Amino acid sequence: MATVKNRPMTLAEYLNYEADTDTRYELVDGLLVEMGAESTLNINIAIFLIVTFAQMIPVHLIHRGTEIEVKGELANTRYPDLMVLSEDCAASLAGKKRALITLDMSAPALVIEVVSSSDTDARSRNRDYVDKRQEYAQRGIPEYWIIDPIAAKVLILNLVNYAYEEQRFTGDDQLVSLLFPRLNLSCKSLLKAGQ
C-alpha cells in the first residue's frame, strides 16, 4: 500500500480528487493510501456473504464498495469489504452521488473486513485487527467481523460500552451473530466461501 500524496487532505479535497487510474484509495490521517488488489478468495468470501445475508434481510441493506468516514485527528475514510446498513443509514445514503457514509449519518449495523490473504502484508493485518477495530468502535458500529483466511479464524466483535467484545471461531464452530441470530454458517464453510 503506497501513500500517494504527502500533504494532508480534507474530506472535501478527497471527494474532489480525481486519480488518473482506477485504483481505489482510503484516506488515512488525511493522506491518500492506495489499496492493493483483492485476492479472488477475498472477493468470493464477500460474495458468499452477500448471498447468505440476502436470504435474511432486504438486499438494499447489503453494501460492497461503499466507503465509510471514521473519526480521527485528520480526515479518514475506509472501504470495508462488506457492510450491512441500518434502515436509517440506507435512507441517508439513498440518492447520493457517491457511496460514502459520512459522520453525520447513522452508522452501519455491521462492517466486515476480510484480512489480506498475503501472509507477508503485516501492515494490512494490523490495520484490520487494530486500527479499524478502534475506528469502528469509535464510530459506534454495533458489530464488526474480521475474517482471516490465513489464520483460519473469524472474529465477531460486538460493541459494548464503546469497546468490542470478541468471539473467536475456528474450524467447524458455528458463527454466532447478534445481528443475524438465524445464521447457520460454520467458520470453515465461510473461509472456503461455500465451496
C-alpha atoms as a PDB file:
ATOM      1  CA  MET A   1       0.000   0.000   0.000  1.00  0.00           C
ATOM      2  CA  ALA A   2       1.566   3.233  -1.122  1.00  0.00           C
ATOM      3  CA  THR A   3       0.819   6.685   0.206  1.00  0.00           C
ATOM      4  CA  VAL A   4       0.079   8.910  -2.766  1.00  0.00           C
ATOM      5  CA  LYS A   5       0.043  12.499  -1.543  1.00  0.00           C
ATOM      6  CA  ASN A   6       2.387  13.847   1.078  1.00  0.00           C
ATOM      7  CA  ARG A   7       0.165  16.788   2.063  1.00  0.00           C
ATOM      8  CA  PRO A   8      -2.852  16.020   4.263  1.00  0.00           C
ATOM      9  CA  MET A   9      -6.197  16.462   2.509  1.00  0.00           C
ATOM     10  CA  THR A  10      -9.562  17.452   3.901  1.00  0.00           C
ATOM     11  CA  LEU A  11     -12.553  15.236   3.256  1.00  0.00           C
ATOM     12  CA  ALA A  12     -13.819  17.776   0.697  1.00  0.00           C
ATOM     13  CA  GLU A  13     -10.480  17.687  -1.170  1.00  0.00           C
ATOM     14  CA  TYR A  14     -10.547  13.886  -1.135  1.00  0.00           C
ATOM     15  CA  LEU A  15     -14.078  13.810  -2.531  1.00  0.00           C
ATOM     16  CA  ASN A  16     -12.995  16.107  -5.383  1.00  0.00           C
ATOM     17  CA  TYR A  17      -9.722  14.248  -6.040  1.00  0.00           C
ATOM     18  CA  GLU A  18      -9.588  12.538  -9.413  1.00  0.00           C
ATOM     19  CA  ALA A  19      -6.879   9.965  -9.978  1.00  0.00           C
ATOM     20  CA  ASP A  20      -5.639   9.010 -13.436  1.00  0.00           C
ATOM     21  CA  THR A  21      -6.204   5.322 -12.675  1.00  0.00           C
ATOM     22  CA  ASP A  22      -8.961   3.009 -11.470  1.00  0.00           C
ATOM     23  CA  THR A  23      -7.027   2.469  -8.240  1.00  0.00           C
ATOM     24  CA  ARG A  24      -9.082   2.787  -5.056  1.00  0.00           C
ATOM     25  CA  TYR A  25      -7.776   4.819  -2.151  1.00  0.00           C
ATOM     26  CA  GLU A  26      -8.555   5.137   1.514  1.00  0.00           C
ATOM     27  CA  LEU A  27      -7.974   8.446   3.254  1.00  0.00           C
ATOM     28  CA  VAL A  28      -5.863   7.792   6.357  1.00  0.00           C
ATOM     29  CA  ASP A  29      -4.956  10.751   8.553  1.00  0.00           C
ATOM     30  CA  GLY A  30      -5.596  13.000   5.579  1.00  0.00           C
ATOM     31  CA  LEU A  31      -3.276  11.060   3.253  1.00  0.00           C
ATOM     32  CA  LEU A  32      -4.300   9.029   0.221  1.00  0.00           C
ATOM     33  CA  VAL A  33      -3.317   5.398   0.727  1.00  0.00           C
ATOM     34  CA  GLU A  34      -3.518   3.114  -2.297  1.00  0.00           C
ATOM     35  CA  MET A  35      -5.466  -0.068  -1.677  1.00  0.00           C
ATOM     36  CA  GLY A  36      -3.925  -3.237  -3.017  1.00  0.00           C
ATOM     37  CA  ALA A  37      -5.767  -5.577  -5.339  1.00  0.00           C
ATOM     38  CA  GLU A  38      -8.132  -8.015  -3.665  1.00  0.00           C
ATOM     39  CA  SER A  39      -7.499 -11.724  -3.937  1.00  0.00           C
ATOM     40  CA  THR A  40     -10.046 -13.998  -5.572  1.00  0.00           C
ATOM     41  CA  LEU A  41     -10.663 -15.667  -2.198  1.00  0.00           C
ATOM     42  CA  ASN A  42     -11.450 -12.334  -0.520  1.00  0.00           C
ATOM     43  CA  ILE A  43     -13.899 -11.451  -3.294  1.00  0.00           C
ATOM     44  CA  ASN A  44     -15.510 -14.905  -3.121  1.00  0.00           C
ATOM     45  CA  ILE A  45     -15.953 -14.640   0.662  1.00  0.00           C
ATOM     46  CA  ALA A  46     -17.685 -11.268   0.270  1.00  0.00           C
ATOM     47  CA  ILE A  47     -19.966 -12.602  -2.486  1.00  0.00           C
ATOM     48  CA  PHE A  48     -20.771 -15.704  -0.421  1.00  0.00           C
ATOM     49  CA  LEU A  49     -21.817 -13.468   2.476  1.00  0.00           C
ATOM     50  CA  ILE A  50     -23.935 -11.273   0.210  1.00  0.00           C
ATOM     51  CA  VAL A  51     -25.847 -14.362  -0.950  1.00  0.00           C
ATOM     52  CA  THR A  52     -26.149 -15.627   2.639  1.00  0.00           C
ATOM     53  CA  PHE A  53     -27.374 -12.303   4.049  1.00  0.00           C
ATOM     54  CA  ALA A  54     -29.785 -11.764   1.137  1.00  0.00           C
ATOM     55  CA  GLN A  55     -31.741 -14.779   2.419  1.00  0.00           C
ATOM     56  CA  MET A  56     -32.294 -12.982   5.742  1.00  0.00           C
ATOM     57  CA  ILE A  57     -32.524  -9.230   5.073  1.00  0.00           C
ATOM     58  CA  PRO A  58     -33.522  -6.870   2.250  1.00  0.00           C
ATOM     59  CA  VAL A  59     -30.815  -6.673  -0.412  1.00  0.00           C
ATOM     60  CA  HIS A  60     -30.703  -2.849  -0.347  1.00  0.00           C
ATOM     61  CA  LEU A  61     -29.108  -3.051   3.120  1.00  0.00           C
ATOM     62  CA  ILE A  62     -26.110  -5.090   1.880  1.00  0.00           C
ATOM     63  CA  HIS A  63     -23.295  -2.931   0.518  1.00  0.00           C
ATOM     64  CA  ARG A  64     -19.979  -3.725  -1.130  1.00  0.00           C
ATOM     65  CA  GLY A  65     -17.822  -0.881  -2.456  1.00  0.00           C
ATOM     66  CA  THR A  66     -19.282   1.731  -0.108  1.00  0.00           C
ATOM     67  CA  GLU A  67     -16.935   3.964   1.876  1.00  0.00           C
ATOM     68  CA  ILE A  68     -17.345   4.993   5.482  1.00  0.00           C
ATOM     69  CA  GLU A  69     -15.912   8.074   7.156  1.00  0.00           C
ATOM     70  CA  VAL A  70     -14.343   7.326  10.534  1.00  0.00           C
ATOM     71  CA  LYS A  71     -13.162   9.650  13.271  1.00  0.00           C
ATOM     72  CA  GLY A  72      -9.577  10.834  13.563  1.00  0.00           C
ATOM     73  CA  GLU A  73      -7.457  13.941  14.034  1.00  0.00           C
ATOM     74  CA  LEU A  74      -7.471  14.370  10.261  1.00  0.00           C
ATOM     75  CA  ALA A  75      -9.916  13.110   7.629  1.00  0.00           C
ATOM     76  CA  ASN A  76     -10.277   9.308   7.405  1.00  0.00           C
ATOM     77  CA  THR A  77     -12.324   7.010   5.181  1.00  0.00           C
ATOM     78  CA  ARG A  78     -12.354   3.227   4.886  1.00  0.00           C
ATOM     79  CA  TYR A  79     -13.549   0.809   2.205  1.00  0.00           C
ATOM     80  CA  PRO A  80     -14.782  -2.261   4.118  1.00  0.00           C
ATOM     81  CA  ASP A  81     -15.137  -5.493   2.182  1.00  0.00           C
ATOM     82  CA  LEU A  82     -18.822  -5.599   3.074  1.00  0.00           C
ATOM     83  CA  MET A  83     -21.351  -3.664   5.146  1.00  0.00           C
ATOM     84  CA  VAL A  84     -24.889  -4.232   6.315  1.00  0.00           C
ATOM     85  CA  LEU A  85     -26.666  -0.923   6.746  1.00  0.00           C
ATOM     86  CA  SER A  86     -29.371   0.010   9.202  1.00  0.00           C
ATOM     87  CA  GLU A  87     -32.581   1.314   7.609  1.00  0.00           C
ATOM     88  CA  ASP A  88     -31.662   4.850   8.784  1.00  0.00           C
ATOM     89  CA  CYS A  89     -28.206   4.603   7.239  1.00  0.00           C
ATOM     90  CA  ALA A  90     -29.626   3.267   3.963  1.00  0.00           C
ATOM     91  CA  ALA A  91     -32.164   6.105   3.841  1.00  0.00           C
ATOM     92  CA  SER A  92     -29.409   8.694   4.414  1.00  0.00           C
ATOM     93  CA  LEU A  93     -27.293   7.170   1.641  1.00  0.00           C
ATOM     94  CA  ALA A  94     -30.121   6.857  -0.900  1.00  0.00           C
ATOM     95  CA  GLY A  95     -29.738   9.205  -3.843  1.00  0.00           C
ATOM     96  CA  LYS A  96     -26.196  10.317  -3.006  1.00  0.00           C
ATOM     97  CA  LYS A  97     -23.786  10.721  -5.935  1.00  0.00           C
ATOM     98  CA  ARG A  98     -21.046   8.915  -4.020  1.00  0.00           C
ATOM     99  CA  ALA A  99     -21.495   5.854  -1.821  1.00  0.00           C
ATOM    100  CA  LEU A 100     -19.925   7.398   1.300  1.00  0.00           C
ATOM    101  CA  ILE A 101     -21.355   7.116   4.802  1.00  0.00           C
ATOM    102  CA  THR A 102     -20.323  10.359   6.487  1.00  0.00           C
ATOM    103  CA  LEU A 103     -20.015  11.048  10.207  1.00  0.00           C
ATOM    104  CA  ASP A 104     -23.369  12.847  10.275  1.00  0.00           C
ATOM    105  CA  MET A 105     -25.170   9.686   9.069  1.00  0.00           C
ATOM    106  CA  SER A 106     -26.217   6.721  11.192  1.00  0.00           C
ATOM    107  CA  ALA A 107     -23.579   4.023  11.487  1.00  0.00           C
ATOM    108  CA  PRO A 108     -23.968   0.771   9.552  1.00  0.00           C
ATOM    109  CA  ALA A 109     -25.156  -2.206  11.595  1.00  0.00           C
ATOM    110  CA  LEU A 110     -22.241  -4.432  10.539  1.00  0.00           C
ATOM    111  CA  VAL A 111     -18.851  -3.956   8.921  1.00  0.00           C
ATOM    112  CA  ILE A 112     -16.848  -6.902   7.583  1.00  0.00           C
ATOM    113  CA  GLU A 113     -13.156  -6.927   6.715  1.00  0.00           C
ATOM    114  CA  VAL A 114     -11.502  -9.899   5.026  1.00  0.00           C
ATOM    115  CA  VAL A 115      -7.853  -9.831   6.043  1.00  0.00           C
ATOM    116  CA  SER A 116      -5.413  -9.788   3.141  1.00  0.00           C
ATOM    117  CA  SER A 117      -4.612 -13.344   2.145  1.00  0.00           C
ATOM    118  CA  SER A 118      -0.957 -12.398   1.753  1.00  0.00           C
ATOM    119  CA  ASP A 119       0.748 -13.529   4.939  1.00  0.00           C
ATOM    120  CA  THR A 120       3.544 -11.049   4.225  1.00  0.00           C
ATOM    121  CA  ASP A 121       1.308  -7.977   4.484  1.00  0.00           C
ATOM    122  CA  ALA A 122       1.687  -7.397   8.240  1.00  0.00           C
ATOM    123  CA  ARG A 123       0.693  -3.751   7.935  1.00  0.00           C
ATOM    124  CA  SER A 124      -2.630  -4.673   6.325  1.00  0.00           C
ATOM    125  CA  ARG A 125      -3.280  -7.284   9.021  1.00  0.00           C
ATOM    126  CA  ASN A 126      -2.527  -4.760  11.763  1.00  0.00           C
ATOM    127  CA  ARG A 127      -4.854  -2.252  10.109  1.00  0.00           C
ATOM    128  CA  ASP A 128      -7.794  -4.714  10.203  1.00  0.00           C
ATOM    129  CA  TYR A 129      -7.087  -6.090  13.684  1.00  0.00           C
ATOM    130  CA  VAL A 130      -6.063  -2.879  15.484  1.00  0.00           C
ATOM    131  CA  ASP A 131      -6.700   0.371  13.597  1.00  0.00           C
ATOM    132  CA  LYS A 132     -10.096  -0.428  12.119  1.00  0.00           C
ATOM    133  CA  ARG A 133     -11.244  -2.155  15.299  1.00  0.00           C
ATOM    134  CA  GLN A 134     -10.672   1.092  17.184  1.00  0.00           C
ATOM    135  CA  GLU A 135     -12.098   3.292  14.410  1.00  0.00           C
ATOM    136  CA  TYR A 136     -15.259   1.219  14.001  1.00  0.00           C
ATOM    137  CA  ALA A 137     -15.834   1.141  17.774  1.00  0.00           C
ATOM    138  CA  GLN A 138     -15.467   4.933  17.938  1.00  0.00           C
ATOM    139  CA  ARG A 139     -17.888   5.208  15.001  1.00  0.00           C
ATOM    140  CA  GLY A 140     -20.463   3.214  17.000  1.00  0.00           C
ATOM    141  CA  ILE A 141     -20.748   0.244  14.635  1.00  0.00           C
ATOM    142  CA  PRO A 142     -22.574  -2.465  16.633  1.00  0.00           C
ATOM    143  CA  GLU A 143     -20.919  -5.495  15.005  1.00  0.00           C
ATOM    144  CA  TYR A 144     -17.550  -5.935  13.257  1.00  0.00           C
ATOM    145  CA  TRP A 145     -16.342  -9.166  11.678  1.00  0.00           C
ATOM    146  CA  ILE A 146     -12.694  -9.885  10.937  1.00  0.00           C
ATOM    147  CA  ILE A 147     -12.393 -12.827   8.559  1.00  0.00           C
ATOM    148  CA  ASP A 148      -8.844 -14.164   8.407  1.00  0.00           C
ATOM    149  CA  PRO A 149      -8.252 -16.894   5.800  1.00  0.00           C
ATOM    150  CA  ILE A 150      -4.522 -17.199   6.642  1.00  0.00           C
ATOM    151  CA  ALA A 151      -5.107 -17.736  10.381  1.00  0.00           C
ATOM    152  CA  ALA A 152      -8.244 -19.804   9.557  1.00  0.00           C
ATOM    153  CA  LYS A 153     -10.436 -17.899  12.001  1.00  0.00           C
ATOM    154  CA  VAL A 154     -13.300 -15.440  12.196  1.00  0.00           C
ATOM    155  CA  LEU A 155     -13.682 -12.845  14.925  1.00  0.00           C
ATOM    156  CA  ILE A 156     -17.130 -11.437  15.589  1.00  0.00           C
ATOM    157  CA  LEU A 157     -16.903  -8.298  17.671  1.00  0.00           C
ATOM    158  CA  ASN A 158     -19.908  -6.790  19.431  1.00  0.00           C
ATOM    159  CA  LEU A 159     -19.877  -3.206  20.672  1.00  0.00           C
ATOM    160  CA  VAL A 160     -20.381  -2.887  24.432  1.00  0.00           C
ATOM    161  CA  ASN A 161     -19.744   0.496  26.085  1.00  0.00           C
ATOM    162  CA  TYR A 162     -17.718   1.825  23.118  1.00  0.00           C
ATOM    163  CA  ALA A 163     -15.381  -1.192  23.027  1.00  0.00           C
ATOM    164  CA  TYR A 164     -15.678  -4.509  21.233  1.00  0.00           C
ATOM    165  CA  GLU A 165     -16.170  -7.826  22.994  1.00  0.00           C
ATOM    166  CA  GLU A 166     -14.630 -10.583  20.904  1.00  0.00           C
ATOM    167  CA  GLN A 167     -15.881 -14.026  19.941  1.00  0.00           C
ATOM    168  CA  ARG A 168     -13.374 -16.250  18.122  1.00  0.00           C
ATOM    169  CA  PHE A 169     -14.424 -19.021  15.734  1.00  0.00           C
ATOM    170  CA  THR A 170     -12.317 -21.710  14.036  1.00  0.00           C
ATOM    171  CA  GLY A 171     -12.877 -24.979  12.178  1.00  0.00           C
ATOM    172  CA  ASP A 172     -16.414 -26.326  12.437  1.00  0.00           C
ATOM    173  CA  ASP A 173     -17.510 -23.713  15.018  1.00  0.00           C
ATOM    174  CA  GLN A 174     -20.888 -22.228  14.131  1.00  0.00           C
ATOM    175  CA  LEU A 175     -20.718 -18.448  13.832  1.00  0.00           C
ATOM    176  CA  VAL A 176     -22.817 -16.590  16.400  1.00  0.00           C
ATOM    177  CA  SER A 177     -24.009 -13.123  15.417  1.00  0.00           C
ATOM    178  CA  LEU A 178     -26.306 -10.880  17.455  1.00  0.00           C
ATOM    179  CA  LEU A 179     -27.349  -9.190  14.214  1.00  0.00           C
ATOM    180  CA  PHE A 180     -28.121 -12.499  12.470  1.00  0.00           C
ATOM    181  CA  PRO A 181     -29.418 -14.906  15.148  1.00  0.00           C
ATOM    182  CA  ARG A 182     -30.698 -17.306  12.444  1.00  0.00           C
ATOM    183  CA  LEU A 183     -27.274 -17.511  10.796  1.00  0.00           C
ATOM    184  CA  ASN A 184     -26.371 -21.135  10.148  1.00  0.00           C
ATOM    185  CA  LEU A 185     -22.778 -20.972   8.971  1.00  0.00           C
ATOM    186  CA  SER A 186     -19.557 -22.583  10.139  1.00  0.00           C
ATOM    187  CA  CYS A 187     -16.222 -20.830  10.194  1.00  0.00           C
ATOM    188  CA  LYS A 188     -14.790 -23.440   7.819  1.00  0.00           C
ATOM    189  CA  SER A 189     -17.620 -23.002   5.321  1.00  0.00           C
ATOM    190  CA  LEU A 190     -17.203 -19.218   5.325  1.00  0.00           C
ATOM    191  CA  LEU A 191     -13.429 -19.404   4.858  1.00  0.00           C
ATOM    192  CA  LYS A 192     -13.945 -21.685   1.846  1.00  0.00           C
ATOM    193  CA  ALA A 193     -16.611 -19.288   0.529  1.00  0.00           C
ATOM    194  CA  GLY A 194     -19.153 -22.086   0.437  1.00  0.00           C
ATOM    195  CA  GLN A 195     -17.124 -24.406  -1.803  1.00  0.00           C
END
